[in-house]
Amino acid sequence: MNLPPDIPPEQSLIEYPSQFPIKVMGAHVEGFVDAIAHVARQFDPAFDASTIEQRPSKGGNYLGLTITVTATSREQLDELYRTLTTHPMVKVVL
């Protein structure tokens, strides 16, 4: 969610704080879910890993996760997206 920096916070379509779902896809390997939960907790200390929704790909090689974090600011979400997209286990973040 990289909004242009010239959009003032009051024009954001997201009200803070709010529950914000993020889809993360990566290889279906041991430790992927735990790694994503660890990243989520860095940005939302109250994040509950038991709320992660998991969807394996048809072939079973990939795992789609939906994490729902408590978004407190655009900066927090931007940094969370940056951290997830640069994580070595992550292929796609939506």
C-alpha atoms as a PDB file:
ATOM      1  CA  MET A   1       0.000   0.000   0.000  1.00  0.00           C
ATOM      2  CA  ASN A   2       2.412   2.672  -1.128  1.00  0.00           C
ATOM      3  CA  LEU A   3       0.341   5.826  -1.197  1.00  0.00           C
ATOM      4  CA  PRO A   4       2.025   8.826  -2.740  1.00  0.00           C
ATOM      5  CA  PRO A   5       3.555  10.952   0.018  1.00  0.00           C
ATOM      6  CA  ASP A   6       1.535  13.994  -1.075  1.00  0.00           C
ATOM      7  CA  ILE A   7      -1.773  12.464   0.090  1.00  0.00           C
ATOM      8  CA  PRO A   8      -2.471  13.908   3.525  1.00  0.00           C
ATOM      9  CA  PRO A   9      -3.580  11.415   6.190  1.00  0.00           C
ATOM     10  CA  GLU A  10      -7.032  12.999   6.406  1.00  0.00           C
ATOM     11  CA  GLN A  11      -7.620  11.999   2.757  1.00  0.00           C
ATOM     12  CA  SER A  12      -6.715   8.372   3.378  1.00  0.00           C
ATOM     13  CA  LEU A  13      -9.482   5.864   2.674  1.00  0.00           C
ATOM     14  CA  ILE A  14      -8.495   3.926   5.790  1.00  0.00           C
ATOM     15  CA  GLU A  15      -9.595   5.005   9.232  1.00  0.00           C
ATOM     16  CA  TYR A  16      -7.090   4.285  11.996  1.00  0.00           C
ATOM     17  CA  PRO A  17      -7.016   2.191  14.028  1.00  0.00           C
ATOM     18  CA  SER A  18      -8.680  -0.565  12.025  1.00  0.00           C
ATOM     19  CA  GLN A  19      -8.433  -4.263  11.300  1.00  0.00           C
ATOM     20  CA  PHE A  20      -6.519  -4.556   8.020  1.00  0.00           C
ATOM     21  CA  PRO A  21      -6.181  -7.830   6.087  1.00  0.00           C
ATOM     22  CA  ILE A  22      -3.003  -8.507   4.102  1.00  0.00           C
ATOM     23  CA  LYS A  23      -2.517 -11.456   1.763  1.00  0.00           C
ATOM     24  CA  VAL A  24       0.932 -13.039   1.709  1.00  0.00           C
ATOM     25  CA  MET A  25       2.024 -15.855  -0.586  1.00  0.00           C
ATOM     26  CA  GLY A  26       5.140 -17.967  -0.312  1.00  0.00           C
ATOM     27  CA  ALA A  27       6.496 -21.461  -0.755  1.00  0.00           C
ATOM     28  CA  HIS A  28       4.635 -24.088   1.272  1.00  0.00           C
ATOM     29  CA  VAL A  29       7.564 -24.853   3.571  1.00  0.00           C
ATOM     30  CA  GLU A  30       8.106 -25.477   7.262  1.00  0.00           C
ATOM     31  CA  GLY A  31       8.351 -22.220   9.197  1.00  0.00           C
ATOM     32  CA  PHE A  32       6.604 -19.948   6.669  1.00  0.00           C
ATOM     33  CA  VAL A  33       3.534 -19.320   8.844  1.00  0.00           C
ATOM     34  CA  ASP A  34       5.676 -18.713  11.939  1.00  0.00           C
ATOM     35  CA  ALA A  35       7.941 -16.310  10.029  1.00  0.00           C
ATOM     36  CA  ILE A  36       4.986 -14.242   8.818  1.00  0.00           C
ATOM     37  CA  ALA A  37       3.429 -14.224  12.296  1.00  0.00           C
ATOM     38  CA  HIS A  38       6.762 -12.965  13.666  1.00  0.00           C
ATOM     39  CA  VAL A  39       6.794 -10.078  11.157  1.00  0.00           C
ATOM     40  CA  ALA A  40       3.142  -9.237  11.924  1.00  0.00           C
ATOM     41  CA  ARG A  41       3.888  -9.074  15.678  1.00  0.00           C
ATOM     42  CA  GLN A  42       6.712  -6.580  15.018  1.00  0.00           C
ATOM     43  CA  PHE A  43       4.085  -4.140  13.721  1.00  0.00           C
ATOM     44  CA  ASP A  44       1.106  -5.248  15.824  1.00  0.00           C
ATOM     45  CA  PRO A  45       2.249  -6.608  19.210  1.00  0.00           C
ATOM     46  CA  ALA A  46      -1.279  -7.912  19.896  1.00  0.00           C
ATOM     47  CA  PHE A  47      -1.340  -9.935  16.637  1.00  0.00           C
ATOM     48  CA  ASP A  48      -2.814 -13.392  17.233  1.00  0.00           C
ATOM     49  CA  ALA A  49      -1.219 -16.043  14.992  1.00  0.00           C
ATOM     50  CA  SER A  50      -4.269 -18.284  15.442  1.00  0.00           C
ATOM     51  CA  THR A  51      -6.219 -15.839  13.238  1.00  0.00           C
ATOM     52  CA  ILE A  52      -4.025 -16.512  10.169  1.00  0.00           C
ATOM     53  CA  GLU A  53      -6.072 -17.933   7.310  1.00  0.00           C
ATOM     54  CA  GLN A  54      -4.196 -20.500   5.210  1.00  0.00           C
ATOM     55  CA  ARG A  55      -4.918 -21.576   1.630  1.00  0.00           C
ATOM     56  CA  PRO A  56      -2.575 -24.028  -0.073  1.00  0.00           C
ATOM     57  CA  SER A  57      -2.199 -23.739  -3.854  1.00  0.00           C
ATOM     58  CA  LYS A  58      -3.771 -26.388  -6.043  1.00  0.00           C
ATOM     59  CA  GLY A  59      -0.442 -28.140  -6.504  1.00  0.00           C
ATOM     60  CA  GLY A  60       0.499 -27.694  -2.854  1.00  0.00           C
ATOM     61  CA  ASN A  61       3.766 -25.901  -3.648  1.00  0.00           C
ATOM     62  CA  TYR A  62       2.625 -22.513  -2.363  1.00  0.00           C
ATOM     63  CA  LEU A  63       0.719 -21.300   0.660  1.00  0.00           C
ATOM     64  CA  GLY A  64      -1.460 -18.205   0.697  1.00  0.00           C
ATOM     65  CA  LEU A  65      -1.909 -16.540   4.067  1.00  0.00           C
ATOM     66  CA  THR A  66      -4.244 -13.782   5.149  1.00  0.00           C
ATOM     67  CA  ILE A  67      -3.028 -11.911   8.196  1.00  0.00           C
ATOM     68  CA  THR A  68      -5.223  -9.267   9.797  1.00  0.00           C
ATOM     69  CA  VAL A  69      -3.321  -6.626  11.728  1.00  0.00           C
ATOM     70  CA  THR A  70      -4.482  -3.628  13.701  1.00  0.00           C
ATOM     71  CA  ALA A  71      -3.430  -0.757  11.462  1.00  0.00           C
ATOM     72  CA  THR A  72      -2.553   2.371  13.403  1.00  0.00           C
ATOM     73  CA  SER A  73      -1.084   4.554  10.633  1.00  0.00           C
ATOM     74  CA  ARG A  74      -0.208   4.678   6.964  1.00  0.00           C
ATOM     75  CA  GLU A  75       3.471   4.652   7.939  1.00  0.00           C
ATOM     76  CA  GLN A  76       2.992   1.431   9.908  1.00  0.00           C
ATOM     77  CA  LEU A  77       1.280  -0.267   6.953  1.00  0.00           C
ATOM     78  CA  ASP A  78       3.890   0.970   4.462  1.00  0.00           C
ATOM     79  CA  GLU A  79       6.694  -0.370   6.630  1.00  0.00           C
ATOM     80  CA  LEU A  80       4.879  -3.682   7.173  1.00  0.00           C
ATOM     81  CA  TYR A  81       4.446  -4.088   3.398  1.00  0.00           C
ATOM     82  CA  ARG A  82       8.128  -3.237   2.844  1.00  0.00           C
ATOM     83  CA  THR A  83       9.209  -5.767   5.452  1.00  0.00           C
ATOM     84  CA  LEU A  84       6.988  -8.508   4.034  1.00  0.00           C
ATOM     85  CA  THR A  85       7.948  -7.913   0.393  1.00  0.00           C
ATOM     86  CA  THR A  86      11.650  -8.094   1.222  1.00  0.00           C
ATOM     87  CA  HIS A  87      11.323 -11.235   3.369  1.00  0.00           C
ATOM     88  CA  PRO A  88      13.182 -14.134   1.688  1.00  0.00           C
ATOM     89  CA  MET A  89      10.258 -16.570   2.152  1.00  0.00           C
ATOM     90  CA  VAL A  90       7.652 -14.236   0.602  1.00  0.00           C
ATOM     91  CA  LYS A  91       6.783 -14.285  -3.105  1.00  0.00           C
ATOM     92  CA  VAL A  92       3.799 -11.878  -3.240  1.00  0.00           C
ATOM     93  CA  VAL A  93       2.088  -9.421  -0.893  1.00  0.00           C
ATOM     94  CA  LEU A  94      -1.355  -7.986  -1.653  1.00  0.00           C
END
